[in-house]
């Protein structure tokens, strides 16, 4: 299974502006259009409950949203079979379940705790990162406070506006 992690970040590695979780307030229109396009092309999409709560993900027969949370029972009323599911499975268990169901691709959209849990278990194959030419100083980091040592190889880089927003794709070099 190919597992892709997608994020938008500032030059100083912040994925939130001063802790506010809505990236639409500071990310470029080009990034937002790109993110929307990738979501629309993806069937299996994994996120944490904070990401789910911060955005509007509409149920669709074309997509299956898997929301990882410590308290899946809290969200039972929002579940739609085959479209929106809440789970407290580990990333390893989740990947194994969808491999056994024949899935070939999974898109991990965040947030940082979910990204870190997949990176820690070496389950990410590619990182698709939009880099916005901004510096916030404070805010949420791409990965949470854990020691990671992951090497990447740039496979794509595109400047998408005059300001210098870069859409990049990296392959994770497996050890």
Protein backbone atom coordinates (compact mmCIF):
# COMPACT_ATOMS: atom_id res chain seq x y z
CA UNK A 1 0.00 0.00 0.00
CA UNK A 2 1.26 3.47 -0.87
CA UNK A 3 0.77 5.87 2.02
CA UNK A 4 1.04 9.60 1.27
CA UNK A 5 1.23 12.33 3.90
CA UNK A 6 0.10 15.77 2.71
CA UNK A 7 0.66 19.06 4.54
CA UNK A 8 1.12 22.79 4.06
CA UNK A 9 3.87 24.48 6.04
CA UNK A 10 5.67 27.80 6.41
CA UNK A 11 9.39 28.17 5.80
CA UNK A 12 9.93 27.77 9.55
CA UNK A 13 8.00 24.49 9.59
CA UNK A 14 4.75 25.73 11.13
CA UNK A 15 1.48 24.08 10.12
CA UNK A 16 -0.67 26.43 12.22
CA UNK A 17 -0.43 30.20 12.61
CA UNK A 18 0.20 30.92 16.29
CA UNK A 19 -1.75 27.81 17.22
CA UNK A 20 -4.95 28.57 15.23
CA UNK A 21 -5.83 25.38 13.34
CA UNK A 22 -7.49 26.83 10.20
CA UNK A 23 -4.78 26.79 7.51
CA UNK A 24 -7.18 28.35 5.00
CA UNK A 25 -6.63 31.68 6.76
CA UNK A 26 -2.98 31.80 5.71
CA UNK A 27 -2.33 29.28 2.91
CA UNK A 28 -2.41 30.40 -0.72
CA UNK A 29 -5.35 29.81 -3.05
CA UNK A 30 -3.03 27.64 -5.13
CA UNK A 31 -2.37 25.34 -2.17
CA UNK A 32 -6.05 25.19 -1.28
CA UNK A 33 -6.95 24.27 -4.87
CA UNK A 34 -4.20 21.62 -4.94
CA UNK A 35 -5.33 20.13 -1.62
CA UNK A 36 -8.94 20.01 -2.83
CA UNK A 37 -7.85 18.28 -6.05
CA UNK A 38 -5.80 15.66 -4.16
CA UNK A 39 -8.69 15.01 -1.74
CA UNK A 40 -11.11 14.59 -4.65
CA UNK A 41 -8.77 12.06 -6.29
CA UNK A 42 -8.31 10.03 -3.10
CA UNK A 43 -10.62 7.26 -2.00
CA UNK A 44 -9.20 6.49 1.47
CA UNK A 45 -8.40 9.55 3.60
CA UNK A 46 -7.08 9.42 7.19
CA UNK A 47 -7.02 12.29 9.67
CA UNK A 48 -7.19 13.07 13.34
CA UNK A 49 -10.28 14.40 15.09
CA UNK A 50 -8.84 17.94 15.31
CA UNK A 51 -8.43 18.06 11.53
CA UNK A 52 -11.93 16.64 11.09
CA UNK A 53 -13.39 19.22 13.48
CA UNK A 54 -11.49 22.13 11.86
CA UNK A 55 -12.72 21.50 8.31
CA UNK A 56 -15.91 20.46 6.56
CA UNK A 57 -15.64 16.99 5.09
CA UNK A 58 -18.81 16.07 3.26
CA UNK A 59 -19.83 12.42 3.10
CA UNK A 60 -19.45 10.92 -0.35
CA UNK A 61 -19.64 7.46 -1.85
CA UNK A 62 -16.35 8.32 -3.62
CA UNK A 63 -14.40 8.81 -0.38
CA UNK A 64 -13.93 6.98 2.88
CA UNK A 65 -12.83 9.27 5.69
CA UNK A 66 -11.14 7.52 8.61
CA UNK A 67 -10.85 9.73 11.68
CA UNK A 68 -8.39 8.56 14.30
CA UNK A 69 -9.38 9.51 17.83
CA UNK A 70 -8.93 8.30 21.37
CA UNK A 71 -12.72 8.50 21.82
CA UNK A 72 -14.49 7.05 18.74
CA UNK A 73 -17.72 6.56 20.71
CA UNK A 74 -17.98 10.34 21.06
CA UNK A 75 -18.54 10.57 17.29
CA UNK A 76 -20.82 7.52 16.71
CA UNK A 77 -23.74 9.71 15.61
CA UNK A 78 -21.62 11.15 12.78
CA UNK A 79 -20.59 7.80 11.30
CA UNK A 80 -21.82 6.81 7.84
CA UNK A 81 -20.96 3.24 6.83
CA UNK A 82 -18.33 3.24 4.10
CA UNK A 83 -17.95 7.03 4.16
CA UNK A 84 -17.09 8.37 7.63
CA UNK A 85 -15.59 6.15 10.32
CA UNK A 86 -14.06 6.94 13.71
CA UNK A 87 -11.45 4.58 15.15
CA UNK A 88 -8.90 4.28 17.91
CA UNK A 89 -6.81 1.74 15.98
CA UNK A 90 -3.07 2.27 15.80
CA UNK A 91 -1.59 3.29 12.43
CA UNK A 92 -0.16 -0.23 12.02
CA UNK A 93 -3.57 -1.83 12.66
CA UNK A 94 -5.30 0.63 10.36
CA UNK A 95 -2.89 0.03 7.46
CA UNK A 96 -3.12 -3.75 7.92
CA UNK A 97 -6.93 -3.61 7.87
CA UNK A 98 -7.07 -1.68 4.61
CA UNK A 99 -4.35 -3.78 2.96
CA UNK A 100 -6.46 -6.85 3.77
CA UNK A 101 -9.42 -5.13 2.07
CA UNK A 102 -7.37 -4.61 -1.09
CA UNK A 103 -6.75 -0.86 -0.87
CA UNK A 104 -3.67 0.33 -2.75
CA UNK A 105 -3.44 3.99 -1.63
CA UNK A 106 -4.09 5.96 1.53
CA UNK A 107 -3.86 9.72 2.02
CA UNK A 108 -2.95 10.99 5.50
CA UNK A 109 -3.98 14.64 5.87
CA UNK A 110 -3.05 15.36 9.47
CA UNK A 111 -2.79 16.75 11.93
CA UNK A 112 0.67 16.65 13.46
CA UNK A 113 -0.12 13.92 16.02
CA UNK A 114 -1.48 11.60 13.32
CA UNK A 115 1.41 12.44 10.97
CA UNK A 116 3.93 11.71 13.72
CA UNK A 117 2.29 8.40 14.64
CA UNK A 118 2.53 7.21 11.00
CA UNK A 119 6.09 8.55 10.57
CA UNK A 120 7.22 6.91 13.82
CA UNK A 121 6.01 3.52 12.57
CA UNK A 122 7.71 4.11 9.17
CA UNK A 123 4.37 3.78 7.35
CA UNK A 124 4.70 6.86 5.10
CA UNK A 125 5.98 6.32 1.54
CA UNK A 126 5.76 9.91 0.28
CA UNK A 127 5.44 13.36 1.83
CA UNK A 128 3.64 15.95 -0.30
CA UNK A 129 4.44 19.32 1.23
CA UNK A 130 3.36 22.77 0.11
CA UNK A 131 5.81 25.34 1.40
CA UNK A 132 4.36 28.81 1.84
CA UNK A 133 6.87 31.70 1.90
CA UNK A 134 5.91 32.81 5.40
CA UNK A 135 7.52 32.74 8.85
CA UNK A 136 5.29 32.60 11.94
CA UNK A 137 7.82 31.91 14.70
CA UNK A 138 5.23 30.14 16.83
CA UNK A 139 2.53 27.67 15.92
CA UNK A 140 2.12 23.94 15.51
CA UNK A 141 4.94 21.91 14.07
CA UNK A 142 4.71 19.40 11.24
CA UNK A 143 5.66 16.62 13.67
CA UNK A 144 5.04 16.54 17.40
CA UNK A 145 7.77 16.41 20.00
CA UNK A 146 9.43 13.08 19.27
CA UNK A 147 12.85 12.14 17.94
CA UNK A 148 12.59 11.14 14.29
CA UNK A 149 15.37 10.46 11.79
CA UNK A 150 13.76 10.18 8.36
CA UNK A 151 15.58 10.84 5.11
CA UNK A 152 13.66 12.03 2.06
CA UNK A 153 14.40 12.36 -1.64
CA UNK A 154 12.85 15.19 -3.67
CA UNK A 155 10.82 13.78 -6.58
CA UNK A 156 8.87 16.90 -7.61
CA UNK A 157 9.01 20.64 -7.01
CA UNK A 158 6.83 23.30 -8.63
CA UNK A 159 6.60 27.04 -8.01
CA UNK A 160 2.87 27.81 -8.28
CA UNK A 161 2.64 31.58 -7.80
CA UNK A 162 4.68 34.78 -7.97
CA UNK A 163 5.07 34.89 -4.20
CA UNK A 164 7.04 31.64 -4.37
CA UNK A 165 4.72 28.98 -2.96
CA UNK A 166 6.29 25.58 -3.68
CA UNK A 167 4.44 22.31 -4.10
CA UNK A 168 6.91 19.52 -3.37
CA UNK A 169 6.79 15.75 -3.29
CA UNK A 170 9.35 13.66 -1.43
CA UNK A 171 9.91 9.92 -1.36
CA UNK A 172 10.69 8.53 2.08
CA UNK A 173 13.96 6.61 1.98
CA UNK A 174 13.35 3.40 3.88
CA UNK A 175 16.10 2.13 6.17
